Amino acid sequence: MTEMRELERLVGTWKVTGGAEGTVTYRWMEGGAFLIQDVDLEQYGEQIRGMEIIGHERPYGAEPSADVKSRFYGHRGDTLDYVYELEGDVLTIWAGEKGSPAYFRGTFAPDGDELDGAWVYPGGGGYDSSMSRVTVRG
């Protein structure tokens, strides 16, 4: 599960600015098989609160999925699925499935405490998004 260990660089609390503003916190679930993101953002004048569980899908008796997948659970009952992909310093979060026309792509700064990128939506929509680490990893 090397792909999951590479996401260690997300652990901590981040200030989010751009098209959505607020904080997100990434933490490991006990055992380290899943990364949990706690979300508290405002976008287009609306609060977005919830949590996301990130990891390899592994139905009972099956092998883990090749992709790192996630599901966001929002405070209004919405659920959103994503696929995480980290290649070097570039993080891509695909909406729905890998290769989707809706995705986030950002690059970590050399010190790992900044992540700058943008959400891209089909038809040319989207917005810039930056994260700055508030708490030290660990």
N, C-alpha and C. Protein backbone atom coordinates (compact mmCIF):
# COMPACT_ATOMS: atom_id res chain seq x y z
N MET A 1 0.82 -1.19 0.00
CA MET A 1 0.00 0.00 0.00
C MET A 1 0.87 1.26 0.00
N THR A 2 1.87 1.25 -0.84
CA THR A 2 2.79 2.37 -0.95
C THR A 2 2.06 3.66 -1.27
N GLU A 3 1.03 3.59 -2.12
CA GLU A 3 0.29 4.79 -2.51
C GLU A 3 -0.30 5.50 -1.31
N MET A 4 -0.78 4.73 -0.34
CA MET A 4 -1.34 5.34 0.87
C MET A 4 -0.25 6.02 1.69
N ARG A 5 0.87 5.39 1.87
CA ARG A 5 1.97 5.96 2.66
C ARG A 5 2.46 7.27 2.04
N GLU A 6 2.40 7.38 0.71
CA GLU A 6 2.82 8.62 0.05
C GLU A 6 1.91 9.79 0.41
N LEU A 7 0.67 9.50 0.80
CA LEU A 7 -0.26 10.56 1.18
C LEU A 7 0.02 11.09 2.59
N GLU A 8 1.01 10.55 3.26
CA GLU A 8 1.43 11.04 4.58
C GLU A 8 1.68 12.54 4.56
N ARG A 9 2.14 13.04 3.44
CA ARG A 9 2.46 14.47 3.35
C ARG A 9 1.23 15.36 3.50
N LEU A 10 0.03 14.78 3.42
CA LEU A 10 -1.20 15.56 3.65
C LEU A 10 -1.56 15.67 5.13
N VAL A 11 -1.02 14.81 5.97
CA VAL A 11 -1.41 14.77 7.38
C VAL A 11 -1.15 16.12 8.06
N GLY A 12 -2.16 16.61 8.75
CA GLY A 12 -2.09 17.90 9.44
C GLY A 12 -3.30 18.73 9.08
N THR A 13 -3.32 19.96 9.59
CA THR A 13 -4.40 20.90 9.31
C THR A 13 -3.90 21.93 8.31
N TRP A 14 -4.75 22.23 7.33
CA TRP A 14 -4.41 23.14 6.24
C TRP A 14 -5.43 24.26 6.14
N LYS A 15 -4.95 25.46 5.85
CA LYS A 15 -5.83 26.58 5.52
C LYS A 15 -6.03 26.55 4.01
N VAL A 16 -7.29 26.57 3.58
CA VAL A 16 -7.63 26.51 2.16
C VAL A 16 -8.09 27.90 1.71
N THR A 17 -7.55 28.36 0.57
CA THR A 17 -7.97 29.62 -0.01
C THR A 17 -8.23 29.42 -1.51
N GLY A 18 -8.96 30.36 -2.08
CA GLY A 18 -9.30 30.27 -3.50
C GLY A 18 -10.80 30.20 -3.64
N GLY A 19 -11.28 29.33 -4.51
CA GLY A 19 -12.72 29.19 -4.76
C GLY A 19 -13.49 28.64 -3.58
N ALA A 20 -12.83 27.95 -2.68
CA ALA A 20 -13.40 27.49 -1.41
C ALA A 20 -12.43 27.93 -0.32
N GLU A 21 -12.96 28.34 0.84
CA GLU A 21 -12.10 28.86 1.90
C GLU A 21 -12.47 28.21 3.22
N GLY A 22 -11.45 27.96 4.05
CA GLY A 22 -11.66 27.37 5.37
C GLY A 22 -10.49 26.49 5.75
N THR A 23 -10.78 25.39 6.43
CA THR A 23 -9.73 24.46 6.84
C THR A 23 -10.12 23.02 6.53
N VAL A 24 -9.09 22.23 6.31
CA VAL A 24 -9.24 20.78 6.21
C VAL A 24 -8.15 20.15 7.07
N THR A 25 -8.46 19.02 7.67
CA THR A 25 -7.49 18.29 8.48
C THR A 25 -7.46 16.85 8.01
N TYR A 26 -6.25 16.37 7.73
CA TYR A 26 -6.04 14.98 7.35
C TYR A 26 -5.41 14.26 8.54
N ARG A 27 -5.92 13.05 8.85
CA ARG A 27 -5.37 12.25 9.95
C ARG A 27 -5.53 10.78 9.59
N TRP A 28 -4.64 9.96 10.14
CA TRP A 28 -4.72 8.52 9.90
C TRP A 28 -5.74 7.88 10.82
N MET A 29 -6.53 6.97 10.27
CA MET A 29 -7.39 6.13 11.10
C MET A 29 -6.47 5.15 11.82
N GLU A 30 -6.86 4.75 13.01
CA GLU A 30 -6.06 3.77 13.75
C GLU A 30 -5.78 2.57 12.85
N GLY A 31 -4.53 2.14 12.82
CA GLY A 31 -4.11 1.04 11.98
C GLY A 31 -3.46 1.50 10.68
N GLY A 32 -3.74 2.75 10.27
CA GLY A 32 -3.08 3.35 9.11
C GLY A 32 -3.58 2.90 7.75
N ALA A 33 -4.69 2.17 7.69
CA ALA A 33 -5.20 1.72 6.39
C ALA A 33 -5.96 2.81 5.65
N PHE A 34 -6.49 3.79 6.40
CA PHE A 34 -7.28 4.85 5.80
C PHE A 34 -6.84 6.21 6.32
N LEU A 35 -6.95 7.20 5.43
CA LEU A 35 -6.70 8.59 5.77
C LEU A 35 -8.07 9.25 5.86
N ILE A 36 -8.29 10.03 6.91
CA ILE A 36 -9.57 10.71 7.10
C ILE A 36 -9.33 12.21 6.92
N GLN A 37 -10.18 12.84 6.12
CA GLN A 37 -10.12 14.29 5.96
C GLN A 37 -11.38 14.89 6.58
N ASP A 38 -11.18 15.80 7.53
CA ASP A 38 -12.28 16.57 8.12
C ASP A 38 -12.34 17.90 7.39
N VAL A 39 -13.52 18.26 6.88
CA VAL A 39 -13.68 19.41 6.00
C VAL A 39 -14.58 20.46 6.66
N ASP A 40 -14.12 21.72 6.65
CA ASP A 40 -14.92 22.85 7.11
C ASP A 40 -14.60 24.03 6.17
N LEU A 41 -15.39 24.15 5.10
CA LEU A 41 -15.13 25.14 4.06
C LEU A 41 -16.38 25.98 3.80
N GLU A 42 -16.18 27.12 3.15
CA GLU A 42 -17.27 27.91 2.61
C GLU A 42 -17.00 28.10 1.13
N GLN A 43 -18.02 27.83 0.33
CA GLN A 43 -17.90 27.98 -1.12
C GLN A 43 -19.20 28.57 -1.66
N TYR A 44 -19.08 29.63 -2.44
CA TYR A 44 -20.25 30.30 -3.02
C TYR A 44 -21.28 30.66 -1.94
N GLY A 45 -20.80 31.07 -0.76
CA GLY A 45 -21.67 31.50 0.33
C GLY A 45 -22.31 30.37 1.11
N GLU A 46 -21.95 29.14 0.83
CA GLU A 46 -22.53 27.98 1.54
C GLU A 46 -21.46 27.23 2.32
N GLN A 47 -21.82 26.75 3.50
CA GLN A 47 -20.92 25.94 4.31
C GLN A 47 -20.84 24.52 3.74
N ILE A 48 -19.63 23.98 3.73
CA ILE A 48 -19.41 22.59 3.34
C ILE A 48 -18.69 21.94 4.51
N ARG A 49 -19.39 21.08 5.21
CA ARG A 49 -18.79 20.37 6.33
C ARG A 49 -18.99 18.87 6.10
N GLY A 50 -17.98 18.13 6.47
CA GLY A 50 -18.10 16.69 6.32
C GLY A 50 -16.77 16.01 6.54
N MET A 51 -16.75 14.75 6.16
CA MET A 51 -15.52 13.97 6.27
C MET A 51 -15.37 13.09 5.05
N GLU A 52 -14.12 12.80 4.75
CA GLU A 52 -13.79 11.96 3.60
C GLU A 52 -12.93 10.82 4.11
N ILE A 53 -13.23 9.61 3.68
CA ILE A 53 -12.44 8.43 4.01
C ILE A 53 -11.67 8.05 2.74
N ILE A 54 -10.34 7.99 2.85
CA ILE A 54 -9.46 7.79 1.70
C ILE A 54 -8.68 6.50 1.89
N GLY A 55 -8.69 5.62 0.90
CA GLY A 55 -7.92 4.37 0.99
C GLY A 55 -8.25 3.44 -0.17
N HIS A 56 -7.69 2.27 -0.10
CA HIS A 56 -7.97 1.25 -1.11
C HIS A 56 -9.28 0.56 -0.74
N GLU A 57 -10.19 0.42 -1.72
CA GLU A 57 -11.40 -0.37 -1.48
C GLU A 57 -10.99 -1.82 -1.34
N ARG A 58 -11.63 -2.51 -0.42
CA ARG A 58 -11.32 -3.92 -0.21
C ARG A 58 -12.58 -4.64 0.29
N PRO A 59 -13.45 -5.01 -0.65
CA PRO A 59 -14.63 -5.77 -0.25
C PRO A 59 -14.21 -7.08 0.44
N TYR A 60 -15.09 -7.57 1.27
CA TYR A 60 -14.79 -8.78 2.04
C TYR A 60 -14.30 -9.90 1.13
N GLY A 61 -13.13 -10.45 1.46
CA GLY A 61 -12.56 -11.57 0.73
C GLY A 61 -11.85 -11.20 -0.57
N ALA A 62 -11.82 -9.93 -0.92
CA ALA A 62 -11.21 -9.51 -2.19
C ALA A 62 -9.86 -8.84 -1.93
N GLU A 63 -9.11 -8.68 -3.00
CA GLU A 63 -7.85 -7.95 -2.94
C GLU A 63 -8.15 -6.45 -2.93
N PRO A 64 -7.25 -5.64 -2.36
CA PRO A 64 -7.46 -4.19 -2.37
C PRO A 64 -7.48 -3.63 -3.80
N SER A 65 -8.23 -2.57 -3.99
CA SER A 65 -8.27 -1.91 -5.31
C SER A 65 -6.91 -1.35 -5.66
N ALA A 66 -6.62 -1.26 -6.94
CA ALA A 66 -5.35 -0.69 -7.39
C ALA A 66 -5.31 0.81 -7.10
N ASP A 67 -6.43 1.51 -7.30
CA ASP A 67 -6.49 2.95 -7.08
C ASP A 67 -6.80 3.29 -5.63
N VAL A 68 -6.32 4.45 -5.18
CA VAL A 68 -6.69 5.00 -3.88
C VAL A 68 -7.98 5.77 -4.09
N LYS A 69 -9.06 5.28 -3.50
CA LYS A 69 -10.38 5.86 -3.71
C LYS A 69 -10.86 6.51 -2.41
N SER A 70 -11.87 7.35 -2.55
CA SER A 70 -12.43 7.98 -1.36
C SER A 70 -13.91 8.25 -1.55
N ARG A 71 -14.55 8.48 -0.42
CA ARG A 71 -15.93 8.95 -0.43
C ARG A 71 -16.04 10.05 0.61
N PHE A 72 -16.61 11.20 0.15
CA PHE A 72 -16.88 12.33 1.02
C PHE A 72 -18.32 12.22 1.50
N TYR A 73 -18.52 12.42 2.81
CA TYR A 73 -19.84 12.41 3.42
C TYR A 73 -20.11 13.82 3.94
N GLY A 74 -21.05 14.53 3.31
CA GLY A 74 -21.34 15.91 3.67
C GLY A 74 -22.43 16.03 4.72
N HIS A 75 -22.43 17.16 5.40
CA HIS A 75 -23.38 17.40 6.49
C HIS A 75 -24.83 17.49 6.01
N ARG A 76 -25.04 17.67 4.72
CA ARG A 76 -26.41 17.71 4.18
C ARG A 76 -26.83 16.36 3.59
N GLY A 77 -26.00 15.34 3.80
CA GLY A 77 -26.34 14.00 3.31
C GLY A 77 -25.78 13.66 1.95
N ASP A 78 -24.98 14.57 1.36
CA ASP A 78 -24.42 14.26 0.05
C ASP A 78 -23.19 13.36 0.19
N THR A 79 -22.96 12.54 -0.84
CA THR A 79 -21.76 11.70 -0.91
C THR A 79 -21.11 11.94 -2.26
N LEU A 80 -19.80 12.10 -2.24
CA LEU A 80 -19.04 12.33 -3.46
C LEU A 80 -17.85 11.37 -3.48
N ASP A 81 -17.59 10.76 -4.64
CA ASP A 81 -16.48 9.81 -4.77
C ASP A 81 -15.32 10.45 -5.53
N TYR A 82 -14.09 10.06 -5.13
CA TYR A 82 -12.87 10.58 -5.74
C TYR A 82 -11.83 9.48 -5.87
N VAL A 83 -10.82 9.72 -6.70
CA VAL A 83 -9.64 8.87 -6.81
C VAL A 83 -8.43 9.77 -6.62
N TYR A 84 -7.55 9.40 -5.69
CA TYR A 84 -6.33 10.16 -5.40
C TYR A 84 -5.15 9.55 -6.14
N GLU A 85 -4.31 10.43 -6.71
CA GLU A 85 -3.12 9.98 -7.42
C GLU A 85 -1.99 10.98 -7.11
N LEU A 86 -0.89 10.49 -6.55
CA LEU A 86 0.25 11.35 -6.24
C LEU A 86 1.44 10.85 -7.03
N GLU A 87 1.95 11.71 -7.92
CA GLU A 87 3.12 11.38 -8.73
C GLU A 87 4.16 12.45 -8.47
N GLY A 88 5.22 12.10 -7.74
CA GLY A 88 6.22 13.09 -7.36
C GLY A 88 5.58 14.12 -6.46
N ASP A 89 5.63 15.39 -6.86
CA ASP A 89 5.04 16.48 -6.07
C ASP A 89 3.67 16.89 -6.59
N VAL A 90 3.11 16.16 -7.56
CA VAL A 90 1.83 16.53 -8.16
C VAL A 90 0.72 15.61 -7.65
N LEU A 91 -0.28 16.24 -7.00
CA LEU A 91 -1.44 15.53 -6.50
C LEU A 91 -2.60 15.78 -7.44
N THR A 92 -3.22 14.69 -7.92
CA THR A 92 -4.44 14.78 -8.72
C THR A 92 -5.54 14.08 -7.94
N ILE A 93 -6.67 14.75 -7.83
CA ILE A 93 -7.86 14.16 -7.20
C ILE A 93 -8.94 14.16 -8.26
N TRP A 94 -9.23 12.97 -8.79
CA TRP A 94 -10.23 12.81 -9.85
C TRP A 94 -11.62 12.73 -9.22
N ALA A 95 -12.59 13.47 -9.73
CA ALA A 95 -13.98 13.37 -9.27
C ALA A 95 -14.60 12.15 -9.93
N GLY A 96 -15.12 11.25 -9.13
CA GLY A 96 -15.73 10.03 -9.67
C GLY A 96 -14.69 8.97 -9.94
N GLU A 97 -14.21 8.88 -11.16
CA GLU A 97 -13.25 7.86 -11.57
C GLU A 97 -11.98 8.50 -12.12
N LYS A 98 -10.90 7.75 -12.10
CA LYS A 98 -9.64 8.20 -12.67
C LYS A 98 -9.85 8.54 -14.15
N GLY A 99 -9.33 9.69 -14.57
CA GLY A 99 -9.51 10.13 -15.95
C GLY A 99 -10.73 11.00 -16.16
N SER A 100 -11.48 11.28 -15.10
CA SER A 100 -12.68 12.11 -15.19
C SER A 100 -12.32 13.51 -15.71
N PRO A 101 -13.26 14.16 -16.41
CA PRO A 101 -13.01 15.54 -16.85
C PRO A 101 -13.10 16.56 -15.71
N ALA A 102 -13.53 16.12 -14.52
CA ALA A 102 -13.56 16.97 -13.33
C ALA A 102 -12.48 16.47 -12.37
N TYR A 103 -11.55 17.37 -12.02
CA TYR A 103 -10.44 16.96 -11.16
C TYR A 103 -9.74 18.16 -10.53
N PHE A 104 -8.98 17.89 -9.47
CA PHE A 104 -8.06 18.87 -8.89
C PHE A 104 -6.65 18.41 -9.24
N ARG A 105 -5.81 19.37 -9.61
CA ARG A 105 -4.39 19.05 -9.80
C ARG A 105 -3.59 20.17 -9.15
N GLY A 106 -2.70 19.77 -8.24
CA GLY A 106 -1.89 20.76 -7.54
C GLY A 106 -0.48 20.24 -7.32
N THR A 107 0.44 21.16 -7.06
CA THR A 107 1.84 20.84 -6.85
C THR A 107 2.27 21.28 -5.45
N PHE A 108 2.93 20.37 -4.74
CA PHE A 108 3.47 20.68 -3.42
C PHE A 108 4.71 21.55 -3.58
N ALA A 109 4.86 22.54 -2.69
CA ALA A 109 6.08 23.34 -2.62
C ALA A 109 7.21 22.43 -2.13
N PRO A 110 8.47 22.80 -2.38
CA PRO A 110 9.60 21.96 -1.95
C PRO A 110 9.58 21.60 -0.45
N ASP A 111 9.10 22.52 0.41
CA ASP A 111 9.07 22.22 1.85
C ASP A 111 7.85 21.40 2.24
N GLY A 112 6.92 21.17 1.31
CA GLY A 112 5.74 20.35 1.57
C GLY A 112 4.63 21.06 2.32
N ASP A 113 4.80 22.35 2.63
CA ASP A 113 3.83 23.07 3.45
C ASP A 113 2.86 23.93 2.64
N GLU A 114 2.93 23.86 1.32
CA GLU A 114 2.00 24.57 0.43
C GLU A 114 1.61 23.61 -0.69
N LEU A 115 0.37 23.70 -1.10
CA LEU A 115 -0.13 22.93 -2.25
C LEU A 115 -0.97 23.89 -3.09
N ASP A 116 -0.48 24.21 -4.29
CA ASP A 116 -1.17 25.15 -5.16
C ASP A 116 -1.64 24.45 -6.42
N GLY A 117 -2.91 24.71 -6.78
CA GLY A 117 -3.44 24.08 -7.98
C GLY A 117 -4.80 24.64 -8.33
N ALA A 118 -5.59 23.83 -8.99
CA ALA A 118 -6.92 24.27 -9.42
C ALA A 118 -7.84 23.07 -9.60
N TRP A 119 -9.12 23.31 -9.34
CA TRP A 119 -10.17 22.37 -9.70
C TRP A 119 -10.58 22.69 -11.13
N VAL A 120 -10.68 21.68 -11.96
CA VAL A 120 -11.07 21.82 -13.36
C VAL A 120 -12.39 21.09 -13.55
N TYR A 121 -13.34 21.76 -14.19
CA TYR A 121 -14.64 21.16 -14.47
C TYR A 121 -14.87 21.11 -15.98
N PRO A 122 -15.68 20.16 -16.45
CA PRO A 122 -15.97 20.08 -17.88
C PRO A 122 -16.56 21.41 -18.37
N GLY A 123 -16.24 21.77 -19.58
CA GLY A 123 -16.77 23.00 -20.16
C GLY A 123 -15.98 24.24 -19.78
N GLY A 124 -14.82 24.06 -19.16
CA GLY A 124 -13.96 25.20 -18.84
C GLY A 124 -14.18 25.82 -17.48
N GLY A 125 -15.03 25.27 -16.65
CA GLY A 125 -15.25 25.81 -15.32
C GLY A 125 -14.17 25.34 -14.35
N GLY A 126 -14.27 25.84 -13.14
CA GLY A 126 -13.33 25.46 -12.09
C GLY A 126 -12.85 26.67 -11.33
N TYR A 127 -11.85 26.46 -10.47
CA TYR A 127 -11.32 27.57 -9.67
C TYR A 127 -9.96 27.21 -9.11
N ASP A 128 -9.16 28.25 -8.83
CA ASP A 128 -7.86 28.06 -8.20
C ASP A 128 -8.06 27.67 -6.75
N SER A 129 -7.15 26.87 -6.23
CA SER A 129 -7.21 26.45 -4.84
C SER A 129 -5.80 26.28 -4.30
N SER A 130 -5.57 26.86 -3.11
CA SER A 130 -4.28 26.73 -2.45
C SER A 130 -4.49 26.26 -1.02
N MET A 131 -3.54 25.46 -0.54
CA MET A 131 -3.57 25.01 0.85
C MET A 131 -2.23 25.35 1.48
N SER A 132 -2.28 25.88 2.70
CA SER A 132 -1.08 26.18 3.48
C SER A 132 -1.18 25.43 4.80
N ARG A 133 -0.12 24.71 5.15
CA ARG A 133 -0.13 23.91 6.37
C ARG A 133 -0.19 24.82 7.59
N VAL A 134 -1.13 24.51 8.51
CA VAL A 134 -1.30 25.25 9.75
C VAL A 134 -0.59 24.52 10.89
N THR A 135 -0.68 23.19 10.90
CA THR A 135 -0.03 22.41 11.96
C THR A 135 1.06 21.54 11.35
N VAL A 136 2.03 21.25 12.17
CA VAL A 136 3.14 20.40 11.75
C VAL A 136 2.65 18.97 11.62
N ARG A 137 3.19 18.26 10.63
CA ARG A 137 2.84 16.85 10.46
C ARG A 137 3.23 16.07 11.70
N GLY A 138 2.50 14.96 11.88
CA GLY A 138 2.90 14.07 12.97
C GLY A 138 1.84 13.72 13.87
